[in-house]
Amino acid sequence: MNPEERWTHICALDEELLKGGVILSEWCALIVREADTAFAAGAHLGAILVAVAAIETHLRAEESEGGRPRLAELIDRALLPSDLKSDLHELRRYRNRWVHVDDPWTDQELLADPQPTDAELERVAFFSLRTLRRTIYANP
């Protein structure tokens, strides 16, 4: 997909998933725009990481309890459908694999053939943009 097709995909997600209106904090709106921009530019890993940041920011804004709960706890306590919570945990775990790389020097496979990793990142980027919108549009 080229950038224009990616923006069209983002607009299609909004058309499909937004039912009514939504109120987001300005921080969350900014981070969503950054995730969209990364996705449209083909920066798959960037889109994933920023989409999860937007999800966490939104869940924190929705959270009524005090303290600084971890993302996993925010997901568990959120008033969201169980299938969405499951997808959020899947996305969170995937993000963690990239943010907390266990052994950065175990990179022979990536060096030898980056295509499978690129394809996986693209697939997860699409998943992350959809999951982000399902989350922020869950309670219109």
N, C-alpha and C. Protein backbone atom coordinates (compact mmCIF):
# COMPACT_ATOMS: atom_id res chain seq x y z
N MET A 1 0.84 -1.19 0.00
CA MET A 1 0.00 0.00 0.00
C MET A 1 0.88 1.25 0.00
N ASN A 2 0.45 2.23 -0.73
CA ASN A 2 1.15 3.51 -0.69
C ASN A 2 0.52 4.37 0.42
N PRO A 3 1.15 5.51 0.75
CA PRO A 3 0.61 6.33 1.85
C PRO A 3 -0.84 6.76 1.66
N GLU A 4 -1.23 7.10 0.46
CA GLU A 4 -2.62 7.52 0.23
C GLU A 4 -3.59 6.37 0.52
N GLU A 5 -3.23 5.18 0.11
CA GLU A 5 -4.08 4.01 0.39
C GLU A 5 -4.14 3.72 1.89
N ARG A 6 -3.04 3.97 2.57
CA ARG A 6 -3.03 3.76 4.02
C ARG A 6 -3.94 4.78 4.72
N TRP A 7 -3.92 6.04 4.28
CA TRP A 7 -4.83 7.04 4.86
C TRP A 7 -6.27 6.66 4.57
N THR A 8 -6.53 6.15 3.38
CA THR A 8 -7.88 5.69 3.04
C THR A 8 -8.30 4.56 3.96
N HIS A 9 -7.37 3.67 4.27
CA HIS A 9 -7.66 2.56 5.20
C HIS A 9 -8.02 3.11 6.59
N ILE A 10 -7.27 4.10 7.05
CA ILE A 10 -7.54 4.70 8.36
C ILE A 10 -8.94 5.33 8.37
N CYS A 11 -9.28 6.05 7.30
CA CYS A 11 -10.62 6.66 7.21
C CYS A 11 -11.71 5.60 7.19
N ALA A 12 -11.44 4.49 6.50
CA ALA A 12 -12.41 3.39 6.46
C ALA A 12 -12.62 2.79 7.85
N LEU A 13 -11.54 2.68 8.63
CA LEU A 13 -11.67 2.18 10.00
C LEU A 13 -12.56 3.12 10.82
N ASP A 14 -12.34 4.42 10.66
CA ASP A 14 -13.16 5.39 11.39
C ASP A 14 -14.63 5.26 10.99
N GLU A 15 -14.87 5.14 9.69
CA GLU A 15 -16.25 4.99 9.20
C GLU A 15 -16.90 3.73 9.75
N GLU A 16 -16.15 2.66 9.79
CA GLU A 16 -16.67 1.37 10.25
C GLU A 16 -16.91 1.33 11.76
N LEU A 17 -15.97 1.87 12.53
CA LEU A 17 -15.97 1.64 13.97
C LEU A 17 -16.54 2.78 14.82
N LEU A 18 -16.55 3.99 14.29
CA LEU A 18 -17.05 5.11 15.07
C LEU A 18 -18.57 5.19 14.94
N LYS A 19 -19.25 4.93 16.02
CA LYS A 19 -20.72 4.99 16.07
C LYS A 19 -21.09 6.11 17.02
N GLY A 20 -21.39 7.27 16.51
CA GLY A 20 -21.69 8.42 17.36
C GLY A 20 -20.45 9.28 17.50
N GLY A 21 -20.30 9.88 18.65
CA GLY A 21 -19.16 10.76 18.90
C GLY A 21 -18.22 10.16 19.92
N VAL A 22 -17.08 10.78 20.04
CA VAL A 22 -16.12 10.33 21.03
C VAL A 22 -15.38 11.55 21.57
N ILE A 23 -15.07 11.53 22.85
CA ILE A 23 -14.30 12.61 23.47
C ILE A 23 -12.99 12.00 23.93
N LEU A 24 -11.91 12.58 23.44
CA LEU A 24 -10.57 12.13 23.82
C LEU A 24 -9.83 13.29 24.46
N SER A 25 -8.93 12.97 25.37
CA SER A 25 -8.05 14.02 25.88
C SER A 25 -7.18 14.49 24.72
N GLU A 26 -6.70 15.70 24.81
CA GLU A 26 -5.85 16.22 23.74
C GLU A 26 -4.56 15.41 23.63
N TRP A 27 -4.06 14.91 24.76
CA TRP A 27 -2.86 14.05 24.72
C TRP A 27 -3.14 12.80 23.89
N CYS A 28 -4.28 12.19 24.15
CA CYS A 28 -4.63 10.97 23.43
C CYS A 28 -4.82 11.27 21.94
N ALA A 29 -5.51 12.35 21.61
CA ALA A 29 -5.73 12.71 20.21
C ALA A 29 -4.40 12.92 19.49
N LEU A 30 -3.46 13.59 20.14
CA LEU A 30 -2.15 13.80 19.55
C LEU A 30 -1.43 12.48 19.28
N ILE A 31 -1.48 11.59 20.25
CA ILE A 31 -0.79 10.31 20.10
C ILE A 31 -1.46 9.46 19.02
N VAL A 32 -2.78 9.51 18.92
CA VAL A 32 -3.49 8.79 17.85
C VAL A 32 -3.03 9.32 16.49
N ARG A 33 -2.95 10.64 16.36
CA ARG A 33 -2.48 11.23 15.09
C ARG A 33 -1.07 10.76 14.75
N GLU A 34 -0.21 10.65 15.75
CA GLU A 34 1.15 10.17 15.52
C GLU A 34 1.16 8.70 15.08
N ALA A 35 0.30 7.89 15.68
CA ALA A 35 0.19 6.48 15.26
C ALA A 35 -0.28 6.39 13.82
N ASP A 36 -1.27 7.20 13.48
CA ASP A 36 -1.78 7.23 12.10
C ASP A 36 -0.70 7.66 11.12
N THR A 37 0.06 8.69 11.49
CA THR A 37 1.11 9.19 10.62
C THR A 37 2.19 8.13 10.40
N ALA A 38 2.58 7.45 11.46
CA ALA A 38 3.57 6.38 11.33
C ALA A 38 3.04 5.27 10.44
N PHE A 39 1.79 4.89 10.64
CA PHE A 39 1.18 3.84 9.82
C PHE A 39 1.14 4.24 8.35
N ALA A 40 0.70 5.46 8.07
CA ALA A 40 0.59 5.93 6.68
C ALA A 40 1.95 5.98 6.00
N ALA A 41 2.99 6.26 6.78
CA ALA A 41 4.35 6.32 6.23
C ALA A 41 4.98 4.94 6.08
N GLY A 42 4.30 3.91 6.56
CA GLY A 42 4.84 2.56 6.47
C GLY A 42 5.82 2.22 7.58
N ALA A 43 5.84 3.02 8.63
CA ALA A 43 6.69 2.76 9.79
C ALA A 43 5.92 1.83 10.72
N HIS A 44 5.93 0.55 10.38
CA HIS A 44 5.08 -0.42 11.07
C HIS A 44 5.37 -0.51 12.56
N LEU A 45 6.63 -0.66 12.93
CA LEU A 45 6.95 -0.77 14.35
C LEU A 45 6.58 0.52 15.08
N GLY A 46 6.87 1.65 14.47
CA GLY A 46 6.48 2.93 15.08
C GLY A 46 4.99 3.03 15.28
N ALA A 47 4.22 2.59 14.29
CA ALA A 47 2.76 2.63 14.40
C ALA A 47 2.28 1.76 15.56
N ILE A 48 2.88 0.59 15.70
CA ILE A 48 2.49 -0.32 16.78
C ILE A 48 2.80 0.30 18.14
N LEU A 49 4.03 0.77 18.31
CA LEU A 49 4.44 1.32 19.60
C LEU A 49 3.60 2.53 19.98
N VAL A 50 3.34 3.40 19.02
CA VAL A 50 2.58 4.62 19.32
C VAL A 50 1.10 4.29 19.51
N ALA A 51 0.58 3.32 18.77
CA ALA A 51 -0.82 2.92 18.97
C ALA A 51 -1.03 2.40 20.39
N VAL A 52 -0.09 1.60 20.89
CA VAL A 52 -0.22 1.10 22.25
C VAL A 52 -0.11 2.25 23.25
N ALA A 53 0.74 3.22 22.97
CA ALA A 53 0.82 4.40 23.84
C ALA A 53 -0.50 5.16 23.85
N ALA A 54 -1.14 5.27 22.70
CA ALA A 54 -2.44 5.94 22.63
C ALA A 54 -3.49 5.17 23.41
N ILE A 55 -3.47 3.86 23.28
CA ILE A 55 -4.42 3.03 24.02
C ILE A 55 -4.22 3.22 25.52
N GLU A 56 -2.97 3.19 25.97
CA GLU A 56 -2.70 3.36 27.39
C GLU A 56 -3.15 4.75 27.87
N THR A 57 -2.87 5.77 27.08
CA THR A 57 -3.28 7.13 27.45
C THR A 57 -4.80 7.22 27.56
N HIS A 58 -5.50 6.61 26.61
CA HIS A 58 -6.96 6.63 26.65
C HIS A 58 -7.49 5.87 27.88
N LEU A 59 -6.94 4.71 28.14
CA LEU A 59 -7.41 3.93 29.29
C LEU A 59 -7.12 4.67 30.60
N ARG A 60 -6.01 5.38 30.66
CA ARG A 60 -5.71 6.18 31.87
C ARG A 60 -6.74 7.30 32.03
N ALA A 61 -7.14 7.91 30.91
CA ALA A 61 -8.14 8.98 30.98
C ALA A 61 -9.49 8.44 31.42
N GLU A 62 -9.78 7.20 31.07
CA GLU A 62 -11.05 6.57 31.43
C GLU A 62 -11.03 6.01 32.85
N GLU A 63 -9.85 5.78 33.37
CA GLU A 63 -9.66 5.16 34.69
C GLU A 63 -10.11 6.11 35.79
N SER A 64 -10.93 5.62 36.70
CA SER A 64 -11.40 6.46 37.79
C SER A 64 -10.61 6.25 39.07
N GLU A 65 -9.90 5.13 39.16
CA GLU A 65 -9.13 4.85 40.36
C GLU A 65 -7.80 5.58 40.30
N GLY A 66 -7.25 5.89 41.45
CA GLY A 66 -5.98 6.60 41.51
C GLY A 66 -4.80 5.67 41.31
N GLY A 67 -3.64 6.21 41.55
CA GLY A 67 -2.43 5.43 41.41
C GLY A 67 -1.92 5.42 39.98
N ARG A 68 -0.96 4.56 39.74
CA ARG A 68 -0.34 4.46 38.42
C ARG A 68 -0.30 2.98 38.01
N PRO A 69 -1.47 2.43 37.67
CA PRO A 69 -1.51 1.01 37.32
C PRO A 69 -0.77 0.73 36.00
N ARG A 70 -0.28 -0.47 35.89
CA ARG A 70 0.36 -0.92 34.65
C ARG A 70 -0.70 -1.08 33.57
N LEU A 71 -0.25 -1.12 32.32
CA LEU A 71 -1.18 -1.25 31.21
C LEU A 71 -2.03 -2.51 31.35
N ALA A 72 -1.44 -3.61 31.75
CA ALA A 72 -2.20 -4.86 31.91
C ALA A 72 -3.36 -4.66 32.88
N GLU A 73 -3.11 -3.95 33.97
CA GLU A 73 -4.16 -3.69 34.95
C GLU A 73 -5.24 -2.75 34.39
N LEU A 74 -4.81 -1.75 33.63
CA LEU A 74 -5.78 -0.85 33.00
C LEU A 74 -6.71 -1.62 32.07
N ILE A 75 -6.13 -2.52 31.31
CA ILE A 75 -6.93 -3.34 30.38
C ILE A 75 -7.92 -4.19 31.16
N ASP A 76 -7.43 -4.85 32.19
CA ASP A 76 -8.30 -5.74 32.97
C ASP A 76 -9.46 -4.99 33.62
N ARG A 77 -9.23 -3.75 34.06
CA ARG A 77 -10.26 -2.99 34.77
C ARG A 77 -11.17 -2.20 33.83
N ALA A 78 -10.79 -2.08 32.57
CA ALA A 78 -11.56 -1.26 31.63
C ALA A 78 -12.93 -1.87 31.36
N LEU A 79 -13.89 -1.01 31.10
CA LEU A 79 -15.24 -1.44 30.74
C LEU A 79 -15.28 -1.68 29.24
N LEU A 80 -14.69 -2.79 28.83
CA LEU A 80 -14.57 -3.16 27.42
C LEU A 80 -15.01 -4.60 27.23
N PRO A 81 -15.45 -4.96 26.03
CA PRO A 81 -15.81 -6.35 25.77
C PRO A 81 -14.60 -7.27 25.96
N SER A 82 -14.85 -8.49 26.37
CA SER A 82 -13.76 -9.42 26.67
C SER A 82 -12.89 -9.73 25.44
N ASP A 83 -13.50 -9.77 24.25
CA ASP A 83 -12.69 -10.05 23.06
C ASP A 83 -11.73 -8.88 22.78
N LEU A 84 -12.16 -7.66 23.05
CA LEU A 84 -11.27 -6.51 22.88
C LEU A 84 -10.17 -6.54 23.93
N LYS A 85 -10.51 -6.87 25.16
CA LYS A 85 -9.48 -6.99 26.20
C LYS A 85 -8.44 -8.03 25.81
N SER A 86 -8.89 -9.13 25.26
CA SER A 86 -7.96 -10.18 24.81
C SER A 86 -7.03 -9.64 23.72
N ASP A 87 -7.59 -8.92 22.76
CA ASP A 87 -6.77 -8.32 21.70
C ASP A 87 -5.80 -7.29 22.26
N LEU A 88 -6.23 -6.52 23.24
CA LEU A 88 -5.35 -5.53 23.86
C LEU A 88 -4.18 -6.19 24.56
N HIS A 89 -4.46 -7.29 25.26
CA HIS A 89 -3.37 -8.01 25.93
C HIS A 89 -2.41 -8.61 24.90
N GLU A 90 -2.94 -9.13 23.80
CA GLU A 90 -2.09 -9.66 22.74
C GLU A 90 -1.19 -8.55 22.17
N LEU A 91 -1.77 -7.41 21.90
CA LEU A 91 -1.01 -6.29 21.36
C LEU A 91 0.02 -5.79 22.38
N ARG A 92 -0.36 -5.73 23.65
CA ARG A 92 0.56 -5.30 24.72
C ARG A 92 1.76 -6.23 24.81
N ARG A 93 1.50 -7.54 24.77
CA ARG A 93 2.60 -8.51 24.84
C ARG A 93 3.52 -8.40 23.61
N TYR A 94 2.92 -8.19 22.45
CA TYR A 94 3.73 -8.03 21.24
C TYR A 94 4.60 -6.78 21.35
N ARG A 95 4.00 -5.68 21.78
CA ARG A 95 4.77 -4.45 21.98
C ARG A 95 5.92 -4.67 22.96
N ASN A 96 5.66 -5.38 24.04
CA ASN A 96 6.69 -5.63 25.04
C ASN A 96 7.88 -6.38 24.47
N ARG A 97 7.63 -7.29 23.53
CA ARG A 97 8.74 -8.03 22.90
C ARG A 97 9.69 -7.08 22.17
N TRP A 98 9.17 -6.00 21.64
CA TRP A 98 10.00 -5.04 20.92
C TRP A 98 10.60 -3.98 21.84
N VAL A 99 9.89 -3.60 22.86
CA VAL A 99 10.37 -2.57 23.77
C VAL A 99 11.39 -3.15 24.75
N HIS A 100 11.23 -4.40 25.10
CA HIS A 100 12.11 -5.07 26.06
C HIS A 100 12.78 -6.26 25.38
N VAL A 101 13.64 -5.99 24.41
CA VAL A 101 14.32 -7.06 23.67
C VAL A 101 15.23 -7.82 24.63
N ASP A 102 15.01 -9.13 24.73
CA ASP A 102 15.78 -9.95 25.67
C ASP A 102 17.26 -10.02 25.30
N ASP A 103 17.56 -10.32 24.06
CA ASP A 103 18.95 -10.48 23.63
C ASP A 103 19.14 -9.80 22.28
N PRO A 104 19.50 -8.52 22.28
CA PRO A 104 19.62 -7.77 21.04
C PRO A 104 20.66 -8.31 20.06
N TRP A 105 21.58 -9.13 20.55
CA TRP A 105 22.61 -9.66 19.65
C TRP A 105 22.21 -10.97 18.99
N THR A 106 21.05 -11.48 19.32
CA THR A 106 20.52 -12.65 18.63
C THR A 106 19.73 -12.13 17.43
N ASP A 107 20.48 -11.70 16.42
CA ASP A 107 19.86 -11.04 15.29
C ASP A 107 20.23 -11.68 13.94
N GLN A 108 20.80 -12.88 13.96
CA GLN A 108 21.23 -13.52 12.73
C GLN A 108 20.06 -13.75 11.77
N GLU A 109 18.96 -14.22 12.29
CA GLU A 109 17.78 -14.49 11.46
C GLU A 109 17.26 -13.20 10.82
N LEU A 110 17.23 -12.13 11.58
CA LEU A 110 16.77 -10.84 11.08
C LEU A 110 17.72 -10.32 9.99
N LEU A 111 19.01 -10.50 10.20
CA LEU A 111 19.99 -10.06 9.20
C LEU A 111 19.92 -10.89 7.93
N ALA A 112 19.73 -12.18 8.09
CA ALA A 112 19.73 -13.08 6.93
C ALA A 112 18.50 -12.88 6.05
N ASP A 113 17.35 -12.67 6.67
CA ASP A 113 16.13 -12.52 5.89
C ASP A 113 15.15 -11.64 6.67
N PRO A 114 15.17 -10.32 6.45
CA PRO A 114 14.29 -9.42 7.20
C PRO A 114 12.83 -9.48 6.73
N GLN A 115 12.55 -10.09 5.59
CA GLN A 115 11.19 -10.09 5.03
C GLN A 115 10.12 -10.66 5.97
N PRO A 116 10.35 -11.81 6.60
CA PRO A 116 9.31 -12.33 7.50
C PRO A 116 8.99 -11.36 8.66
N THR A 117 10.02 -10.72 9.20
CA THR A 117 9.80 -9.76 10.28
C THR A 117 9.04 -8.55 9.77
N ASP A 118 9.42 -8.06 8.59
CA ASP A 118 8.71 -6.92 7.99
C ASP A 118 7.24 -7.26 7.76
N ALA A 119 6.98 -8.44 7.24
CA ALA A 119 5.59 -8.85 6.98
C ALA A 119 4.80 -8.96 8.28
N GLU A 120 5.42 -9.51 9.31
CA GLU A 120 4.75 -9.62 10.61
C GLU A 120 4.46 -8.25 11.19
N LEU A 121 5.43 -7.34 11.12
CA LEU A 121 5.23 -5.99 11.63
C LEU A 121 4.10 -5.29 10.89
N GLU A 122 4.02 -5.47 9.58
CA GLU A 122 2.94 -4.85 8.82
C GLU A 122 1.59 -5.40 9.25
N ARG A 123 1.51 -6.71 9.41
CA ARG A 123 0.25 -7.34 9.85
C ARG A 123 -0.16 -6.81 11.22
N VAL A 124 0.79 -6.72 12.13
CA VAL A 124 0.47 -6.25 13.48
C VAL A 124 0.16 -4.76 13.47
N ALA A 125 0.76 -3.99 12.58
CA ALA A 125 0.44 -2.56 12.47
C ALA A 125 -1.02 -2.37 12.09
N PHE A 126 -1.50 -3.16 11.13
CA PHE A 126 -2.92 -3.09 10.76
C PHE A 126 -3.79 -3.46 11.96
N PHE A 127 -3.39 -4.52 12.66
CA PHE A 127 -4.12 -4.97 13.85
C PHE A 127 -4.11 -3.87 14.93
N SER A 128 -2.98 -3.21 15.11
CA SER A 128 -2.87 -2.20 16.17
C SER A 128 -3.75 -0.98 15.88
N LEU A 129 -3.83 -0.56 14.61
CA LEU A 129 -4.68 0.58 14.28
C LEU A 129 -6.15 0.25 14.49
N ARG A 130 -6.55 -0.96 14.12
CA ARG A 130 -7.93 -1.39 14.33
C ARG A 130 -8.22 -1.50 15.83
N THR A 131 -7.32 -2.10 16.58
CA THR A 131 -7.52 -2.28 18.01
C THR A 131 -7.54 -0.94 18.73
N LEU A 132 -6.70 -0.02 18.32
CA LEU A 132 -6.73 1.33 18.88
C LEU A 132 -8.10 1.95 18.70
N ARG A 133 -8.63 1.89 17.49
CA ARG A 133 -9.93 2.50 17.23
C ARG A 133 -11.06 1.77 17.95
N ARG A 134 -10.99 0.47 18.01
CA ARG A 134 -12.01 -0.27 18.77
C ARG A 134 -12.02 0.20 20.22
N THR A 135 -10.84 0.50 20.76
CA THR A 135 -10.73 0.93 22.15
C THR A 135 -11.25 2.34 22.35
N ILE A 136 -10.79 3.28 21.55
CA ILE A 136 -11.19 4.67 21.78
C ILE A 136 -12.64 4.93 21.37
N TYR A 137 -13.20 4.07 20.53
CA TYR A 137 -14.59 4.24 20.12
C TYR A 137 -15.54 3.30 20.86
N ALA A 138 -15.05 2.58 21.83
CA ALA A 138 -15.86 1.57 22.52
C ALA A 138 -17.03 2.19 23.31
N ASN A 139 -16.82 3.36 23.86
CA ASN A 139 -17.86 3.99 24.68
C ASN A 139 -18.18 5.38 24.15
N PRO A 140 -18.94 5.44 23.04
CA PRO A 140 -19.24 6.74 22.44
C PRO A 140 -20.13 7.60 23.34
